[in-house]
């Protein structure tokens, strides 16, 4: 789910093989603005999801009657 959000935001790319990885890396290395935008998008996704594990555990414990 987070990976889908990350790719949709432009903070990550799905590659099928080493050749695609080289192309993706080259694009970011050759275009500083694009690389910065991807980094910013990735950080924003991470920030939006910060604390998700803790919230999930809290919810599960409450549902189980332990919270």
PDB file of N, CA and C in Angstrom:
ATOM      1  N   UNK A   1       0.824  -1.196   0.000  1.00  0.00           N
ATOM      2  CA  UNK A   1       0.000   0.000   0.000  1.00  0.00           C
ATOM      3  C   UNK A   1       0.869   1.261   0.000  1.00  0.00           C
ATOM      4  N   UNK A   2       1.844   1.339   0.865  1.00  0.00           N
ATOM      5  CA  UNK A   2       2.721   2.508   0.900  1.00  0.00           C
ATOM      6  C   UNK A   2       3.532   2.591  -0.390  1.00  0.00           C
ATOM      7  N   UNK A   3       3.954   1.441  -0.898  1.00  0.00           N
ATOM      8  CA  UNK A   3       4.726   1.470  -2.140  1.00  0.00           C
ATOM      9  C   UNK A   3       3.871   2.001  -3.284  1.00  0.00           C
ATOM     10  N   UNK A   4       2.601   1.595  -3.328  1.00  0.00           N
ATOM     11  CA  UNK A   4       1.704   2.120  -4.363  1.00  0.00           C
ATOM     12  C   UNK A   4       1.580   3.633  -4.242  1.00  0.00           C
ATOM     13  N   UNK A   5       1.452   4.104  -3.011  1.00  0.00           N
ATOM     14  CA  UNK A   5       1.361   5.544  -2.766  1.00  0.00           C
ATOM     15  C   UNK A   5       2.660   6.243  -3.183  1.00  0.00           C
ATOM     16  N   UNK A   6       3.782   5.610  -2.870  1.00  0.00           N
ATOM     17  CA  UNK A   6       5.088   6.186  -3.205  1.00  0.00           C
ATOM     18  C   UNK A   6       5.268   6.283  -4.722  1.00  0.00           C
ATOM     19  N   UNK A   7       4.922   5.232  -5.444  1.00  0.00           N
ATOM     20  CA  UNK A   7       5.080   5.274  -6.900  1.00  0.00           C
ATOM     21  C   UNK A   7       4.103   6.258  -7.525  1.00  0.00           C
ATOM     22  N   UNK A   8       2.879   6.308  -7.009  1.00  0.00           N
ATOM     23  CA  UNK A   8       1.890   7.248  -7.545  1.00  0.00           C
ATOM     24  C   UNK A   8       2.331   8.693  -7.342  1.00  0.00           C
ATOM     25  N   UNK A   9       3.015   8.957  -6.229  1.00  0.00           N
ATOM     26  CA  UNK A   9       3.484  10.312  -5.930  1.00  0.00           C
ATOM     27  C   UNK A   9       4.748  10.670  -6.705  1.00  0.00           C
ATOM     28  N   UNK A  10       5.402   9.669  -7.290  1.00  0.00           N
ATOM     29  CA  UNK A  10       6.637   9.927  -8.024  1.00  0.00           C
ATOM     30  C   UNK A  10       7.887   9.787  -7.183  1.00  0.00           C
ATOM     31  N   UNK A  11       7.745   9.253  -5.993  1.00  0.00           N
ATOM     32  CA  UNK A  11       8.893   9.096  -5.107  1.00  0.00           C
ATOM     33  C   UNK A  11       9.616   7.774  -5.268  1.00  0.00           C
ATOM     34  N   UNK A  12       9.094   6.908  -6.119  1.00  0.00           N
ATOM     35  CA  UNK A  12       9.727   5.615  -6.382  1.00  0.00           C
ATOM     36  C   UNK A  12       9.319   5.155  -7.773  1.00  0.00           C
ATOM     37  N   UNK A  13      10.100   4.242  -8.305  1.00  0.00           N
ATOM     38  CA  UNK A  13       9.781   3.656  -9.614  1.00  0.00           C
ATOM     39  C   UNK A  13       9.905   2.153  -9.520  1.00  0.00           C
ATOM     40  N   UNK A  14       8.985   1.464 -10.140  1.00  0.00           N
ATOM     41  CA  UNK A  14       9.044   0.014 -10.226  1.00  0.00           C
ATOM     42  C   UNK A  14       9.830  -0.345 -11.481  1.00  0.00           C
ATOM     43  N   UNK A  15      10.841  -1.181 -11.320  1.00  0.00           N
ATOM     44  CA  UNK A  15      11.636  -1.619 -12.465  1.00  0.00           C
ATOM     45  C   UNK A  15      11.589  -3.138 -12.538  1.00  0.00           C
ATOM     46  N   UNK A  16      11.668  -3.651 -13.752  1.00  0.00           N
ATOM     47  CA  UNK A  16      11.558  -5.092 -13.961  1.00  0.00           C
ATOM     48  C   UNK A  16      12.903  -5.807 -13.934  1.00  0.00           C
ATOM     49  N   UNK A  17      13.961  -5.063 -14.213  1.00  0.00           N
ATOM     50  CA  UNK A  17      15.263  -5.716 -14.299  1.00  0.00           C
ATOM     51  C   UNK A  17      16.377  -4.680 -14.143  1.00  0.00           C
ATOM     52  N   UNK A  18      17.601  -5.155 -14.223  1.00  0.00           N
ATOM     53  CA  UNK A  18      18.763  -4.289 -14.036  1.00  0.00           C
ATOM     54  C   UNK A  18      18.819  -3.197 -15.100  1.00  0.00           C
ATOM     55  N   UNK A  19      18.452  -3.534 -16.315  1.00  0.00           N
ATOM     56  CA  UNK A  19      18.487  -2.533 -17.395  1.00  0.00           C
ATOM     57  C   UNK A  19      17.546  -1.373 -17.090  1.00  0.00           C
ATOM     58  N   UNK A  20      16.339  -1.683 -16.625  1.00  0.00           N
ATOM     59  CA  UNK A  20      15.394  -0.620 -16.266  1.00  0.00           C
ATOM     60  C   UNK A  20      15.884   0.168 -15.063  1.00  0.00           C
ATOM     61  N   UNK A  21      16.533  -0.503 -14.129  1.00  0.00           N
ATOM     62  CA  UNK A  21      17.094   0.187 -12.967  1.00  0.00           C
ATOM     63  C   UNK A  21      18.158   1.184 -13.403  1.00  0.00           C
ATOM     64  N   UNK A  22      19.000   0.782 -14.336  1.00  0.00           N
ATOM     65  CA  UNK A  22      20.032   1.690 -14.845  1.00  0.00           C
ATOM     66  C   UNK A  22      19.407   2.927 -15.486  1.00  0.00           C
ATOM     67  N   UNK A  23      18.363   2.711 -16.275  1.00  0.00           N
ATOM     68  CA  UNK A  23      17.693   3.836 -16.937  1.00  0.00           C
ATOM     69  C   UNK A  23      17.074   4.762 -15.895  1.00  0.00           C
ATOM     70  N   UNK A  24      16.367   4.186 -14.929  1.00  0.00           N
ATOM     71  CA  UNK A  24      15.717   4.998 -13.896  1.00  0.00           C
ATOM     72  C   UNK A  24      16.747   5.799 -13.108  1.00  0.00           C
ATOM     73  N   UNK A  25      17.833   5.151 -12.728  1.00  0.00           N
ATOM     74  CA  UNK A  25      18.884   5.844 -11.980  1.00  0.00           C
ATOM     75  C   UNK A  25      19.521   6.935 -12.828  1.00  0.00           C
ATOM     76  N   UNK A  26      19.751   6.652 -14.091  1.00  0.00           N
ATOM     77  CA  UNK A  26      20.365   7.643 -14.982  1.00  0.00           C
ATOM     78  C   UNK A  26      19.483   8.870 -15.140  1.00  0.00           C
ATOM     79  N   UNK A  27      18.179   8.656 -15.225  1.00  0.00           N
ATOM     80  CA  UNK A  27      17.251   9.782 -15.359  1.00  0.00           C
ATOM     81  C   UNK A  27      17.372  10.692 -14.147  1.00  0.00           C
ATOM     82  N   UNK A  28      17.357  10.103 -12.945  1.00  0.00           N
ATOM     83  CA  UNK A  28      17.456  10.919 -11.735  1.00  0.00           C
ATOM     84  C   UNK A  28      18.835  11.558 -11.603  1.00  0.00           C
ATOM     85  N   UNK A  29      19.875  10.841 -11.978  1.00  0.00           N
ATOM     86  CA  UNK A  29      21.226  11.399 -11.877  1.00  0.00           C
ATOM     87  C   UNK A  29      21.462  12.514 -12.890  1.00  0.00           C
ATOM     88  N   UNK A  30      20.805  12.436 -14.023  1.00  0.00           N
ATOM     89  CA  UNK A  30      20.986  13.445 -15.075  1.00  0.00           C
ATOM     90  C   UNK A  30      20.096  14.671 -14.910  1.00  0.00           C
ATOM     91  N   UNK A  31      19.065  14.567 -14.082  1.00  0.00           N
ATOM     92  CA  UNK A  31      18.106  15.669 -13.939  1.00  0.00           C
ATOM     93  C   UNK A  31      17.925  15.987 -12.459  1.00  0.00           C
ATOM     94  N   UNK A  32      18.703  16.951 -11.986  1.00  0.00           N
ATOM     95  CA  UNK A  32      18.690  17.276 -10.551  1.00  0.00           C
ATOM     96  C   UNK A  32      17.309  17.705 -10.066  1.00  0.00           C
ATOM     97  N   UNK A  33      16.599  18.489 -10.862  1.00  0.00           N
ATOM     98  CA  UNK A  33      15.266  18.941 -10.448  1.00  0.00           C
ATOM     99  C   UNK A  33      14.306  17.767 -10.319  1.00  0.00           C
ATOM    100  N   UNK A  34      14.372  16.843 -11.254  1.00  0.00           N
ATOM    101  CA  UNK A  34      13.519  15.660 -11.198  1.00  0.00           C
ATOM    102  C   UNK A  34      13.869  14.801  -9.985  1.00  0.00           C
ATOM    103  N   UNK A  35      15.155  14.648  -9.719  1.00  0.00           N
ATOM    104  CA  UNK A  35      15.594  13.874  -8.558  1.00  0.00           C
ATOM    105  C   UNK A  35      15.128  14.528  -7.260  1.00  0.00           C
ATOM    106  N   UNK A  36      15.232  15.847  -7.183  1.00  0.00           N
ATOM    107  CA  UNK A  36      14.779  16.550  -5.981  1.00  0.00           C
ATOM    108  C   UNK A  36      13.270  16.418  -5.808  1.00  0.00           C
ATOM    109  N   UNK A  37      12.534  16.495  -6.902  1.00  0.00           N
ATOM    110  CA  UNK A  37      11.079  16.349  -6.833  1.00  0.00           C
ATOM    111  C   UNK A  37      10.702  14.942  -6.371  1.00  0.00           C
ATOM    112  N   UNK A  38      11.420  13.937  -6.865  1.00  0.00           N
ATOM    113  CA  UNK A  38      11.158  12.558  -6.451  1.00  0.00           C
ATOM    114  C   UNK A  38      11.464  12.386  -4.969  1.00  0.00           C
ATOM    115  N   UNK A  39      12.574  12.956  -4.518  1.00  0.00           N
ATOM    116  CA  UNK A  39      12.926  12.882  -3.107  1.00  0.00           C
ATOM    117  C   UNK A  39      11.899  13.559  -2.224  1.00  0.00           C
ATOM    118  N   UNK A  40      11.443  14.724  -2.651  1.00  0.00           N
ATOM    119  CA  UNK A  40      10.422  15.456  -1.892  1.00  0.00           C
ATOM    120  C   UNK A  40       9.130  14.651  -1.831  1.00  0.00           C
ATOM    121  N   UNK A  41       8.731  14.086  -2.954  1.00  0.00           N
ATOM    122  CA  UNK A  41       7.507  13.279  -2.992  1.00  0.00           C
ATOM    123  C   UNK A  41       7.634  12.073  -2.070  1.00  0.00           C
ATOM    124  N   UNK A  42       8.787  11.435  -2.087  1.00  0.00           N
ATOM    125  CA  UNK A  42       9.010  10.286  -1.214  1.00  0.00           C
ATOM    126  C   UNK A  42       8.957  10.654   0.253  1.00  0.00           C
ATOM    127  N   UNK A  43       9.589  11.771   0.608  1.00  0.00           N
ATOM    128  CA  UNK A  43       9.560  12.229   2.007  1.00  0.00           C
ATOM    129  C   UNK A  43       8.142  12.543   2.455  1.00  0.00           C
ATOM    130  N   UNK A  44       7.353  13.147   1.575  1.00  0.00           N
ATOM    131  CA  UNK A  44       5.971  13.478   1.927  1.00  0.00           C
ATOM    132  C   UNK A  44       5.153  12.218   2.192  1.00  0.00           C
ATOM    133  N   UNK A  45       5.365  11.191   1.399  1.00  0.00           N
ATOM    134  CA  UNK A  45       4.660   9.921   1.623  1.00  0.00           C
ATOM    135  C   UNK A  45       5.082   9.324   2.963  1.00  0.00           C
ATOM    136  N   UNK A  46       6.372   9.341   3.248  1.00  0.00           N
ATOM    137  CA  UNK A  46       6.866   8.810   4.515  1.00  0.00           C
ATOM    138  C   UNK A  46       6.259   9.584   5.680  1.00  0.00           C
ATOM    139  N   UNK A  47       6.233  10.898   5.588  1.00  0.00           N
ATOM    140  CA  UNK A  47       5.659  11.719   6.663  1.00  0.00           C
ATOM    141  C   UNK A  47       4.176  11.418   6.868  1.00  0.00           C
ATOM    142  N   UNK A  48       3.438  11.265   5.779  1.00  0.00           N
ATOM    143  CA  UNK A  48       2.005  10.954   5.898  1.00  0.00           C
ATOM    144  C   UNK A  48       1.775   9.611   6.575  1.00  0.00           C
ATOM    145  N   UNK A  49       2.716   8.706   6.434  1.00  0.00           N
ATOM    146  CA  UNK A  49       2.556   7.363   6.987  1.00  0.00           C
ATOM    147  C   UNK A  49       3.302   7.156   8.295  1.00  0.00           C
ATOM    148  N   UNK A  50       3.939   8.201   8.795  1.00  0.00           N
ATOM    149  CA  UNK A  50       4.678   8.097  10.055  1.00  0.00           C
ATOM    150  C   UNK A  50       3.711   7.705  11.176  1.00  0.00           C
ATOM    151  N   UNK A  51       4.087   6.693  11.929  1.00  0.00           N
ATOM    152  CA  UNK A  51       3.267   6.244  13.050  1.00  0.00           C
ATOM    153  C   UNK A  51       2.199   5.233  12.666  1.00  0.00           C
ATOM    154  N   UNK A  52       2.164   4.812  11.419  1.00  0.00           N
ATOM    155  CA  UNK A  52       1.120   3.887  10.969  1.00  0.00           C
ATOM    156  C   UNK A  52       1.180   2.554  11.711  1.00  0.00           C
ATOM    157  N   UNK A  53       2.373   2.044  11.949  1.00  0.00           N
ATOM    158  CA  UNK A  53       2.493   0.763  12.647  1.00  0.00           C
ATOM    159  C   UNK A  53       1.959   0.875  14.060  1.00  0.00           C
ATOM    160  N   UNK A  54       2.315   1.942  14.742  1.00  0.00           N
ATOM    161  CA  UNK A  54       1.836   2.151  16.105  1.00  0.00           C
ATOM    162  C   UNK A  54       0.313   2.267  16.145  1.00  0.00           C
ATOM    163  N   UNK A  55      -0.254   3.008  15.207  1.00  0.00           N
ATOM    164  CA  UNK A  55      -1.715   3.144  15.156  1.00  0.00           C
ATOM    165  C   UNK A  55      -2.383   1.802  14.875  1.00  0.00           C
ATOM    166  N   UNK A  56      -1.785   1.013  14.008  1.00  0.00           N
ATOM    167  CA  UNK A  56      -2.347  -0.299  13.687  1.00  0.00           C
ATOM    168  C   UNK A  56      -2.316  -1.214  14.902  1.00  0.00           C
ATOM    169  N   UNK A  57      -1.193  -1.252  15.609  1.00  0.00           N
ATOM    170  CA  UNK A  57      -1.080  -2.087  16.805  1.00  0.00           C
ATOM    171  C   UNK A  57      -2.074  -1.638  17.863  1.00  0.00           C
ATOM    172  N   UNK A  58      -2.200  -0.343  18.073  1.00  0.00           N
ATOM    173  CA  UNK A  58      -3.153   0.180  19.051  1.00  0.00           C
ATOM    174  C   UNK A  58      -4.571  -0.243  18.702  1.00  0.00           C
ATOM    175  N   UNK A  59      -4.929  -0.138  17.440  1.00  0.00           N
ATOM    176  CA  UNK A  59      -6.264  -0.534  16.994  1.00  0.00           C
ATOM    177  C   UNK A  59      -6.481  -2.028  17.195  1.00  0.00           C
ATOM    178  N   UNK A  60      -5.502  -2.842  16.826  1.00  0.00           N
ATOM    179  CA  UNK A  60      -5.636  -4.291  16.989  1.00  0.00           C
ATOM    180  C   UNK A  60      -5.771  -4.680  18.456  1.00  0.00           C
ATOM    181  N   UNK A  61      -4.989  -4.043  19.323  1.00  0.00           N
ATOM    182  CA  UNK A  61      -5.099  -4.327  20.754  1.00  0.00           C
ATOM    183  C   UNK A  61      -6.465  -3.932  21.292  1.00  0.00           C
ATOM    184  N   UNK A  62      -6.981  -2.805  20.843  1.00  0.00           N
ATOM    185  CA  UNK A  62      -8.305  -2.368  21.283  1.00  0.00           C
ATOM    186  C   UNK A  62      -9.373  -3.351  20.810  1.00  0.00           C
ATOM    187  N   UNK A  63      -9.257  -3.809  19.589  1.00  0.00           N
ATOM    188  CA  UNK A  63     -10.223  -4.774  19.058  1.00  0.00           C
ATOM    189  C   UNK A  63     -10.147  -6.108  19.786  1.00  0.00           C
ATOM    190  N   UNK A  64      -8.950  -6.463  20.249  1.00  0.00           N
ATOM    191  CA  UNK A  64      -8.759  -7.717  20.965  1.00  0.00           C
ATOM    192  C   UNK A  64      -9.109  -7.582  22.446  1.00  0.00           C
ATOM    193  N   UNK A  65      -9.432  -6.366  22.879  1.00  0.00           N
ATOM    194  CA  UNK A  65      -9.789  -6.141  24.270  1.00  0.00           C
ATOM    195  C   UNK A  65      -8.599  -5.978  25.188  1.00  0.00           C
ATOM    196  N   UNK A  66      -7.425  -5.741  24.619  1.00  0.00           N
ATOM    197  CA  UNK A  66      -6.217  -5.584  25.428  1.00  0.00           C
ATOM    198  C   UNK A  66      -5.791  -4.134  25.555  1.00  0.00           C
ATOM    199  N   UNK A  67      -6.524  -3.219  24.951  1.00  0.00           N
ATOM    200  CA  UNK A  67      -6.091  -1.831  24.943  1.00  0.00           C
ATOM    201  C   UNK A  67      -7.092  -1.007  25.610  1.00  0.00           C
TER     202      UNK A  67
END
